[in-house]
Amino acid sequence: MSKTRAQIAKKHGAAAAGTPEPAPAAPPRSNGNMILIAAAAAAVLLFWYYHLLTLGQMSQLADGLTMPDMMFGGYGAGYVADLQAAMDSDALDQLSYLHKTAGTLFPLIFGIAWLLLIQLNVDRRWLRWLLWAPPLLFAVVDLWENVAIDSLLATTAPDDGQVALASALTVSRWVLLGLSGVAGLLAVLLPAGLRGKVPAQPPGQDGPGTESR
């Protein structure tokens, strides 16, 4: 008595019964892409609000001096003394409040957006961690810089060590922000094979090693 195709498939597998096996379902990406778009948009908006708008306005409370956060090349004790002389206690409190709000939200949201961007585009674990390093370090250094600057300006006579630390953190955060941008571009522009992204094979199409019958 001949066996049915269902019985053969149950005993020997779908291939033995002549029934094509269902293709594995692709992982859902739509939700991740939507979260990425929202996080990236929020990061861009916060960058504009924090760096270009509010920190620029803070200069008006410091006799036109640039805020330390925007000193790409760092600063020294003379600049800190001039800034402390130009800013009264209300202005210093306002700068500290800005660090605790937008200055905290920006590195966190930027870091989340960039980690997700790399996660969605890079499957090789070693490359993913390599590209994750700049945004992770940027978030840590940026938050640390906020605390260092507030502590520096609140000290009546800061020593050279405090000034050097805050200055180094400021320079480092801008370097890491640039490296994070490069990491994001590499996550999107590197060849798919290097990123571990293998194109999905259309259903029913034989692989390269299968001979046509």
Protein backbone atom coordinates (compact mmCIF):
# COMPACT_ATOMS: atom_id res chain seq x y z
CA MET A 1 0.00 0.00 0.00
CA SER A 2 1.52 3.30 -1.14
CA LYS A 3 2.06 6.01 1.39
CA THR A 4 0.55 9.42 0.97
CA ARG A 5 2.71 12.46 0.52
CA ALA A 6 1.82 13.63 4.04
CA GLN A 7 2.99 10.35 5.53
CA ILE A 8 6.27 10.49 3.61
CA ALA A 9 6.83 14.09 4.71
CA LYS A 10 6.15 13.17 8.34
CA LYS A 11 8.68 10.33 8.26
CA HIS A 12 11.43 11.60 5.93
CA GLY A 13 10.88 15.35 5.73
CA ALA A 14 9.25 17.69 3.24
CA ALA A 15 12.03 17.31 0.66
CA ALA A 16 11.49 13.52 0.36
CA ALA A 17 7.79 14.03 -0.28
CA GLY A 18 8.44 16.50 -3.04
CA THR A 19 6.90 19.33 -1.02
CA PRO A 20 8.91 22.56 -0.94
CA GLU A 21 9.86 23.64 2.54
CA PRO A 22 8.52 27.07 3.56
CA ALA A 23 11.09 29.83 3.43
CA PRO A 24 12.13 31.16 6.85
CA ALA A 25 10.36 34.34 7.77
CA ALA A 26 12.47 37.47 7.56
CA PRO A 27 12.86 39.33 10.86
CA PRO A 28 10.54 42.33 11.09
CA ARG A 29 12.36 45.59 10.39
CA SER A 30 9.50 48.03 10.05
CA ASN A 31 9.22 48.71 13.79
CA GLY A 32 12.98 49.18 14.13
CA ASN A 33 13.05 51.57 11.18
CA MET A 34 10.22 53.64 12.61
CA ILE A 35 11.96 53.91 15.99
CA LEU A 36 15.21 54.82 14.21
CA ILE A 37 13.56 57.60 12.22
CA ALA A 38 11.92 59.03 15.34
CA ALA A 39 15.13 58.85 17.41
CA ALA A 40 17.27 60.34 14.62
CA ALA A 41 14.81 63.21 14.12
CA ALA A 42 14.77 63.89 17.87
CA ALA A 43 18.59 63.84 17.98
CA VAL A 44 18.87 66.34 15.11
CA LEU A 45 16.28 68.63 16.73
CA LEU A 46 18.06 68.48 20.10
CA PHE A 47 21.43 69.17 18.46
CA TRP A 48 20.01 72.33 16.89
CA TYR A 49 18.23 73.41 20.08
CA TYR A 50 21.14 72.72 22.44
CA HIS A 51 24.22 73.69 20.45
CA LEU A 52 23.00 76.27 17.95
CA LEU A 53 20.17 77.96 19.85
CA THR A 54 20.50 77.87 23.64
CA LEU A 55 24.30 77.72 24.00
CA GLY A 56 24.50 80.57 21.49
CA GLN A 57 22.03 82.58 23.55
CA MET A 58 24.04 81.88 26.70
CA SER A 59 26.90 83.88 25.16
CA GLN A 60 24.72 86.97 25.58
CA LEU A 61 24.91 86.42 29.35
CA ALA A 62 28.71 86.14 29.23
CA ASP A 63 29.70 89.37 27.45
CA GLY A 64 29.83 87.51 24.12
CA LEU A 65 32.19 84.75 25.29
CA THR A 66 31.61 81.33 23.75
CA MET A 67 30.34 78.66 26.11
CA PRO A 68 32.96 76.01 26.99
CA ASP A 69 30.85 73.28 25.39
CA MET A 70 31.41 74.92 21.99
CA MET A 71 35.19 75.37 22.33
CA PHE A 72 36.21 72.68 19.82
CA GLY A 73 39.92 73.19 20.39
CA GLY A 74 39.76 73.33 24.18
CA TYR A 75 40.47 76.20 26.57
CA GLY A 76 42.79 77.29 29.35
CA ALA A 77 42.72 78.88 32.78
CA GLY A 78 42.62 82.42 31.36
CA TYR A 79 39.42 81.70 29.42
CA VAL A 80 37.81 80.15 32.50
CA ALA A 81 38.69 83.18 34.64
CA ASP A 82 37.22 85.56 32.02
CA LEU A 83 34.05 83.45 31.78
CA GLN A 84 33.58 83.38 35.55
CA ALA A 85 34.03 87.15 35.70
CA ALA A 86 31.48 87.70 32.92
CA MET A 87 28.75 85.36 34.24
CA ASP A 88 26.81 86.06 37.42
CA SER A 89 25.26 83.38 39.60
CA ASP A 90 21.96 83.42 37.67
CA ALA A 91 23.76 82.82 34.38
CA LEU A 92 25.79 79.98 35.89
CA ASP A 93 22.61 78.40 37.26
CA GLN A 94 21.00 78.70 33.84
CA LEU A 95 23.96 76.98 32.17
CA SER A 96 23.88 74.21 34.77
CA TYR A 97 20.13 73.74 34.20
CA LEU A 98 20.75 73.53 30.46
CA HIS A 99 23.34 70.81 31.05
CA LYS A 100 20.85 68.83 33.15
CA THR A 101 18.07 69.03 30.54
CA ALA A 102 18.96 69.32 26.86
CA GLY A 103 22.62 68.59 27.58
CA THR A 104 21.62 65.24 29.06
CA LEU A 105 18.87 64.32 26.59
CA PHE A 106 20.96 64.93 23.48
CA PRO A 107 23.79 62.42 24.07
CA LEU A 108 21.33 59.77 25.29
CA ILE A 109 18.94 60.06 22.35
CA PHE A 110 21.80 60.42 19.87
CA GLY A 111 23.45 57.31 21.30
CA ILE A 112 20.22 55.30 21.08
CA ALA A 113 19.61 56.40 17.48
CA TRP A 114 23.14 55.53 16.35
CA LEU A 115 23.20 52.18 18.16
CA LEU A 116 19.92 51.25 16.46
CA LEU A 117 21.17 52.45 13.07
CA ILE A 118 24.21 50.18 13.35
CA GLN A 119 22.15 47.31 14.78
CA LEU A 120 19.77 47.36 11.81
CA ASN A 121 22.50 47.54 9.16
CA VAL A 122 25.36 45.43 10.52
CA ASP A 123 25.06 41.72 11.38
CA ARG A 124 28.72 40.88 11.99
CA ARG A 125 29.21 41.06 15.75
CA TRP A 126 32.82 42.27 15.75
CA LEU A 127 32.06 45.03 13.24
CA ARG A 128 28.92 46.03 15.09
CA TRP A 129 30.80 46.48 18.38
CA LEU A 130 33.56 48.36 16.58
CA LEU A 131 31.04 50.82 15.14
CA TRP A 132 29.13 51.02 18.43
CA ALA A 133 32.23 52.20 20.30
CA PRO A 134 32.22 55.89 19.17
CA PRO A 135 28.55 56.68 20.04
CA LEU A 136 28.79 54.81 23.34
CA LEU A 137 31.96 56.68 24.32
CA PHE A 138 30.46 59.96 23.10
CA ALA A 139 27.44 59.62 25.40
CA VAL A 140 29.65 58.85 28.41
CA VAL A 141 32.14 61.66 27.70
CA ASP A 142 29.41 64.22 26.95
CA LEU A 143 27.61 63.54 30.23
CA TRP A 144 30.91 63.65 32.11
CA GLU A 145 31.81 66.94 30.43
CA ASN A 146 28.57 68.54 31.66
CA VAL A 147 29.44 67.70 35.26
CA ALA A 148 33.08 68.80 34.82
CA ILE A 149 32.13 72.20 33.39
CA ASP A 150 29.53 72.90 36.10
CA SER A 151 32.03 71.95 38.80
CA LEU A 152 34.75 74.03 37.16
CA LEU A 153 32.67 77.20 36.92
CA ALA A 154 31.29 76.79 40.43
CA THR A 155 34.80 76.73 41.91
CA THR A 156 36.17 80.13 42.89
CA ALA A 157 39.76 79.35 41.92
CA PRO A 158 39.85 76.13 39.85
CA ASP A 159 43.22 74.44 39.63
CA ASP A 160 45.00 73.51 36.42
CA GLY A 161 43.90 69.90 36.73
CA GLN A 162 40.21 70.81 36.71
CA VAL A 163 40.67 73.07 33.70
CA ALA A 164 42.68 70.45 31.81
CA LEU A 165 40.09 67.74 32.51
CA ALA A 166 37.13 69.81 31.38
CA SER A 167 38.99 71.00 28.29
CA ALA A 168 40.05 67.45 27.36
CA LEU A 169 36.47 66.22 27.74
CA THR A 170 35.19 69.01 25.50
CA VAL A 171 37.68 68.21 22.75
CA SER A 172 37.03 64.48 23.12
CA ARG A 173 33.27 64.83 22.82
CA TRP A 174 33.55 66.67 19.51
CA VAL A 175 36.04 64.14 18.17
CA LEU A 176 33.79 61.26 19.24
CA LEU A 177 30.75 62.97 17.74
CA GLY A 178 32.56 63.15 14.40
CA LEU A 179 33.67 59.52 14.68
CA SER A 180 30.09 58.54 15.47
CA GLY A 181 28.96 60.18 12.25
CA VAL A 182 31.61 58.22 10.34
CA ALA A 183 30.50 55.00 12.05
CA GLY A 184 26.92 55.62 11.00
CA LEU A 185 27.96 56.18 7.38
CA LEU A 186 30.07 53.01 7.39
CA ALA A 187 27.15 51.02 8.78
CA VAL A 188 25.09 52.04 5.75
CA LEU A 189 27.69 52.31 2.96
CA LEU A 190 30.00 49.34 3.57
CA PRO A 191 29.47 46.38 1.20
CA ALA A 192 26.68 44.07 2.33
CA GLY A 193 29.03 41.10 2.49
CA LEU A 194 31.36 42.87 4.90
CA ARG A 195 28.43 43.92 7.06
CA GLY A 196 27.17 40.32 7.10
CA LYS A 197 24.00 41.22 5.22
CA VAL A 198 23.26 38.30 2.84
CA PRO A 199 20.57 39.14 0.27
CA ALA A 200 17.46 37.02 0.70
CA GLN A 201 17.06 34.39 -2.04
CA PRO A 202 13.71 34.50 -3.88
CA PRO A 203 11.48 31.48 -3.13
CA GLY A 204 11.82 28.65 -5.63
CA GLN A 205 15.15 29.84 -7.01
CA ASP A 206 17.92 27.28 -6.92
CA GLY A 207 21.12 28.17 -5.11
CA PRO A 208 24.41 28.58 -6.96
CA GLY A 209 25.47 25.05 -6.18
CA THR A 210 22.26 23.36 -7.47
CA GLU A 211 22.31 21.92 -10.96
CA SER A 212 19.33 22.59 -13.22
CA ARG A 213 17.31 19.55 -14.18
